[in-house]
Amino acid sequence: MNNTEKNEERGKTPPSYTKTQIYAARAALALILFLITALIINVFAGGDPGITLALLFALIVFPCVFYGIRIYFDYTKKRDRN
């Protein structure tokens, strides 16, 4: 691979996302920000330890679920193209 090909490869634009994907990403981000805010308020206000653990659990699990859904849809989209 020569330098011209490398520069062309670097200059590629990212794939365009559908409006549904953009809205889903914004919703996921809003949920994560809400959970972080609720966790901070709960910790500093001296809230129930059970709620703190539930918020921590949600902060770990929800991003993993969102990522898994994205991988699944990317896989099915590639499979449908072939």
N, C-alpha and C. Protein backbone atom coordinates (compact mmCIF):
# COMPACT_ATOMS: atom_id res chain seq x y z
N MET A 1 0.86 -1.17 0.00
CA MET A 1 0.00 0.00 0.00
C MET A 1 0.90 1.23 0.00
N ASN A 2 0.71 2.09 -0.98
CA ASN A 2 1.55 3.29 -1.05
C ASN A 2 0.94 4.41 -0.22
N ASN A 3 1.65 5.53 -0.14
CA ASN A 3 1.23 6.65 0.71
C ASN A 3 -0.09 7.26 0.25
N THR A 4 -0.31 7.30 -1.06
CA THR A 4 -1.55 7.88 -1.56
C THR A 4 -2.76 7.08 -1.09
N GLU A 5 -2.65 5.76 -1.17
CA GLU A 5 -3.75 4.90 -0.71
C GLU A 5 -3.99 5.06 0.78
N LYS A 6 -2.91 5.20 1.56
CA LYS A 6 -3.06 5.38 3.00
C LYS A 6 -3.77 6.69 3.31
N ASN A 7 -3.40 7.76 2.60
CA ASN A 7 -4.04 9.06 2.83
C ASN A 7 -5.51 9.03 2.43
N GLU A 8 -5.82 8.34 1.34
CA GLU A 8 -7.22 8.23 0.92
C GLU A 8 -8.02 7.45 1.96
N GLU A 9 -7.39 6.41 2.53
CA GLU A 9 -8.08 5.59 3.52
C GLU A 9 -8.34 6.40 4.80
N ARG A 10 -7.40 7.23 5.18
CA ARG A 10 -7.57 8.07 6.37
C ARG A 10 -8.65 9.12 6.17
N GLY A 11 -8.81 9.61 4.96
CA GLY A 11 -9.73 10.68 4.68
C GLY A 11 -11.17 10.24 4.49
N LYS A 12 -11.44 8.96 4.66
CA LYS A 12 -12.81 8.48 4.48
C LYS A 12 -13.73 9.10 5.52
N THR A 13 -14.91 9.43 5.07
CA THR A 13 -15.89 9.98 6.01
C THR A 13 -16.54 8.83 6.77
N PRO A 14 -16.98 9.08 7.99
CA PRO A 14 -17.63 8.02 8.75
C PRO A 14 -18.96 7.65 8.08
N PRO A 15 -19.44 6.46 8.36
CA PRO A 15 -20.69 6.06 7.73
C PRO A 15 -21.84 6.96 8.17
N SER A 16 -22.78 7.15 7.29
CA SER A 16 -23.92 7.99 7.66
C SER A 16 -24.88 7.15 8.50
N TYR A 17 -25.41 7.76 9.50
CA TYR A 17 -26.32 7.07 10.40
C TYR A 17 -27.75 7.46 10.09
N THR A 18 -28.67 6.54 10.31
CA THR A 18 -30.07 6.85 10.08
C THR A 18 -30.59 7.68 11.25
N LYS A 19 -31.74 8.30 11.04
CA LYS A 19 -32.32 9.11 12.11
C LYS A 19 -32.67 8.26 13.31
N THR A 20 -33.09 7.03 13.08
CA THR A 20 -33.42 6.13 14.18
C THR A 20 -32.20 5.85 15.03
N GLN A 21 -31.05 5.63 14.38
CA GLN A 21 -29.82 5.38 15.13
C GLN A 21 -29.40 6.60 15.93
N ILE A 22 -29.56 7.77 15.36
CA ILE A 22 -29.19 9.00 16.06
C ILE A 22 -30.09 9.20 17.27
N TYR A 23 -31.41 8.99 17.10
CA TYR A 23 -32.32 9.15 18.22
C TYR A 23 -32.06 8.11 19.31
N ALA A 24 -31.74 6.89 18.91
CA ALA A 24 -31.44 5.84 19.88
C ALA A 24 -30.17 6.18 20.66
N ALA A 25 -29.17 6.70 19.98
CA ALA A 25 -27.93 7.08 20.65
C ALA A 25 -28.16 8.23 21.63
N ARG A 26 -28.96 9.19 21.23
CA ARG A 26 -29.26 10.31 22.12
C ARG A 26 -30.06 9.85 23.33
N ALA A 27 -31.00 8.93 23.12
CA ALA A 27 -31.79 8.40 24.23
C ALA A 27 -30.91 7.62 25.20
N ALA A 28 -29.99 6.83 24.67
CA ALA A 28 -29.07 6.07 25.52
C ALA A 28 -28.17 7.02 26.31
N LEU A 29 -27.68 8.05 25.66
CA LEU A 29 -26.84 9.03 26.35
C LEU A 29 -27.62 9.75 27.44
N ALA A 30 -28.85 10.12 27.14
CA ALA A 30 -29.69 10.80 28.14
C ALA A 30 -29.95 9.89 29.34
N LEU A 31 -30.20 8.61 29.08
CA LEU A 31 -30.42 7.66 30.17
C LEU A 31 -29.18 7.52 31.04
N ILE A 32 -28.03 7.42 30.42
CA ILE A 32 -26.78 7.27 31.17
C ILE A 32 -26.50 8.53 32.00
N LEU A 33 -26.72 9.70 31.41
CA LEU A 33 -26.51 10.95 32.16
C LEU A 33 -27.49 11.06 33.33
N PHE A 34 -28.73 10.63 33.11
CA PHE A 34 -29.72 10.63 34.19
C PHE A 34 -29.28 9.70 35.32
N LEU A 35 -28.79 8.52 34.97
CA LEU A 35 -28.35 7.56 36.00
C LEU A 35 -27.15 8.10 36.78
N ILE A 36 -26.23 8.74 36.09
CA ILE A 36 -25.06 9.31 36.78
C ILE A 36 -25.49 10.43 37.73
N THR A 37 -26.40 11.29 37.25
CA THR A 37 -26.90 12.37 38.10
C THR A 37 -27.63 11.82 39.32
N ALA A 38 -28.48 10.83 39.10
CA ALA A 38 -29.22 10.22 40.22
C ALA A 38 -28.27 9.57 41.20
N LEU A 39 -27.22 8.94 40.71
CA LEU A 39 -26.24 8.30 41.59
C LEU A 39 -25.51 9.34 42.44
N ILE A 40 -25.09 10.42 41.82
CA ILE A 40 -24.38 11.46 42.56
C ILE A 40 -25.28 12.08 43.63
N ILE A 41 -26.52 12.36 43.26
CA ILE A 41 -27.46 12.94 44.24
C ILE A 41 -27.72 11.96 45.38
N ASN A 42 -27.90 10.69 45.03
CA ASN A 42 -28.17 9.68 46.05
C ASN A 42 -26.99 9.50 47.00
N VAL A 43 -25.79 9.53 46.50
CA VAL A 43 -24.61 9.34 47.34
C VAL A 43 -24.42 10.52 48.28
N PHE A 44 -24.49 11.73 47.75
CA PHE A 44 -24.24 12.90 48.58
C PHE A 44 -25.39 13.23 49.52
N ALA A 45 -26.60 12.78 49.18
CA ALA A 45 -27.75 13.04 50.05
C ALA A 45 -27.89 11.96 51.12
N GLY A 46 -27.05 10.96 51.07
CA GLY A 46 -27.09 9.89 52.05
C GLY A 46 -28.28 8.96 51.85
N GLY A 47 -28.57 8.64 50.61
CA GLY A 47 -29.72 7.80 50.29
C GLY A 47 -29.49 6.34 50.65
N ASP A 48 -30.48 5.56 50.33
CA ASP A 48 -30.48 4.13 50.62
C ASP A 48 -29.34 3.43 49.86
N PRO A 49 -28.55 2.60 50.56
CA PRO A 49 -27.47 1.88 49.87
C PRO A 49 -27.97 0.94 48.79
N GLY A 50 -29.18 0.41 48.96
CA GLY A 50 -29.74 -0.46 47.93
C GLY A 50 -29.98 0.27 46.62
N ILE A 51 -30.41 1.51 46.72
CA ILE A 51 -30.64 2.31 45.51
C ILE A 51 -29.30 2.65 44.85
N THR A 52 -28.30 2.91 45.66
CA THR A 52 -26.97 3.19 45.12
C THR A 52 -26.45 1.98 44.33
N LEU A 53 -26.61 0.80 44.89
CA LEU A 53 -26.16 -0.41 44.19
C LEU A 53 -26.97 -0.65 42.92
N ALA A 54 -28.27 -0.37 42.97
CA ALA A 54 -29.11 -0.53 41.78
C ALA A 54 -28.68 0.43 40.68
N LEU A 55 -28.36 1.67 41.04
CA LEU A 55 -27.90 2.64 40.05
C LEU A 55 -26.55 2.23 39.47
N LEU A 56 -25.65 1.74 40.30
CA LEU A 56 -24.36 1.27 39.80
C LEU A 56 -24.54 0.08 38.86
N PHE A 57 -25.42 -0.82 39.23
CA PHE A 57 -25.71 -1.98 38.38
C PHE A 57 -26.25 -1.51 37.02
N ALA A 58 -27.19 -0.57 37.05
CA ALA A 58 -27.78 -0.05 35.81
C ALA A 58 -26.73 0.64 34.95
N LEU A 59 -25.80 1.35 35.60
CA LEU A 59 -24.75 2.04 34.83
C LEU A 59 -23.79 1.06 34.16
N ILE A 60 -23.70 -0.14 34.68
CA ILE A 60 -22.85 -1.16 34.06
C ILE A 60 -23.62 -1.93 33.00
N VAL A 61 -24.84 -2.29 33.30
CA VAL A 61 -25.60 -3.18 32.41
C VAL A 61 -26.16 -2.46 31.19
N PHE A 62 -26.75 -1.27 31.35
CA PHE A 62 -27.39 -0.61 30.22
C PHE A 62 -26.44 -0.34 29.05
N PRO A 63 -25.25 0.21 29.28
CA PRO A 63 -24.35 0.39 28.13
C PRO A 63 -23.97 -0.92 27.44
N CYS A 64 -23.82 -1.99 28.23
CA CYS A 64 -23.51 -3.30 27.65
C CYS A 64 -24.66 -3.79 26.78
N VAL A 65 -25.89 -3.59 27.24
CA VAL A 65 -27.06 -3.99 26.45
C VAL A 65 -27.15 -3.18 25.17
N PHE A 66 -26.95 -1.86 25.27
CA PHE A 66 -27.00 -1.02 24.07
C PHE A 66 -25.93 -1.44 23.07
N TYR A 67 -24.74 -1.75 23.56
CA TYR A 67 -23.66 -2.17 22.68
C TYR A 67 -23.98 -3.52 22.03
N GLY A 68 -24.54 -4.42 22.81
CA GLY A 68 -24.93 -5.72 22.26
C GLY A 68 -25.99 -5.60 21.19
N ILE A 69 -26.95 -4.73 21.40
CA ILE A 69 -27.99 -4.51 20.38
C ILE A 69 -27.37 -3.94 19.12
N ARG A 70 -26.44 -3.02 19.28
CA ARG A 70 -25.79 -2.43 18.10
C ARG A 70 -25.00 -3.50 17.33
N ILE A 71 -24.27 -4.34 18.04
CA ILE A 71 -23.51 -5.40 17.37
C ILE A 71 -24.46 -6.34 16.63
N TYR A 72 -25.58 -6.69 17.26
CA TYR A 72 -26.55 -7.58 16.63
C TYR A 72 -27.09 -6.97 15.34
N PHE A 73 -27.48 -5.71 15.37
CA PHE A 73 -28.03 -5.09 14.17
C PHE A 73 -26.97 -4.91 13.09
N ASP A 74 -25.74 -4.60 13.46
CA ASP A 74 -24.67 -4.52 12.47
C ASP A 74 -24.43 -5.87 11.82
N TYR A 75 -24.48 -6.94 12.61
CA TYR A 75 -24.27 -8.29 12.09
C TYR A 75 -25.39 -8.67 11.14
N THR A 76 -26.63 -8.41 11.52
CA THR A 76 -27.74 -8.77 10.67
C THR A 76 -27.76 -7.94 9.39
N LYS A 77 -27.33 -6.69 9.48
CA LYS A 77 -27.28 -5.85 8.29
C LYS A 77 -26.24 -6.38 7.30
N LYS A 78 -25.07 -6.78 7.81
CA LYS A 78 -24.03 -7.34 6.95
C LYS A 78 -24.50 -8.65 6.33
N ARG A 79 -25.17 -9.47 7.14
CA ARG A 79 -25.62 -10.77 6.66
C ARG A 79 -26.68 -10.61 5.57
N ASP A 80 -27.54 -9.61 5.70
CA ASP A 80 -28.58 -9.40 4.70
C ASP A 80 -28.02 -8.89 3.38
N ARG A 81 -26.87 -8.18 3.43
CA ARG A 81 -26.26 -7.68 2.20
C ARG A 81 -25.68 -8.82 1.37
N ASN A 82 -25.22 -9.88 2.00
CA ASN A 82 -24.56 -10.99 1.28
C ASN A 82 -25.56 -11.91 0.66
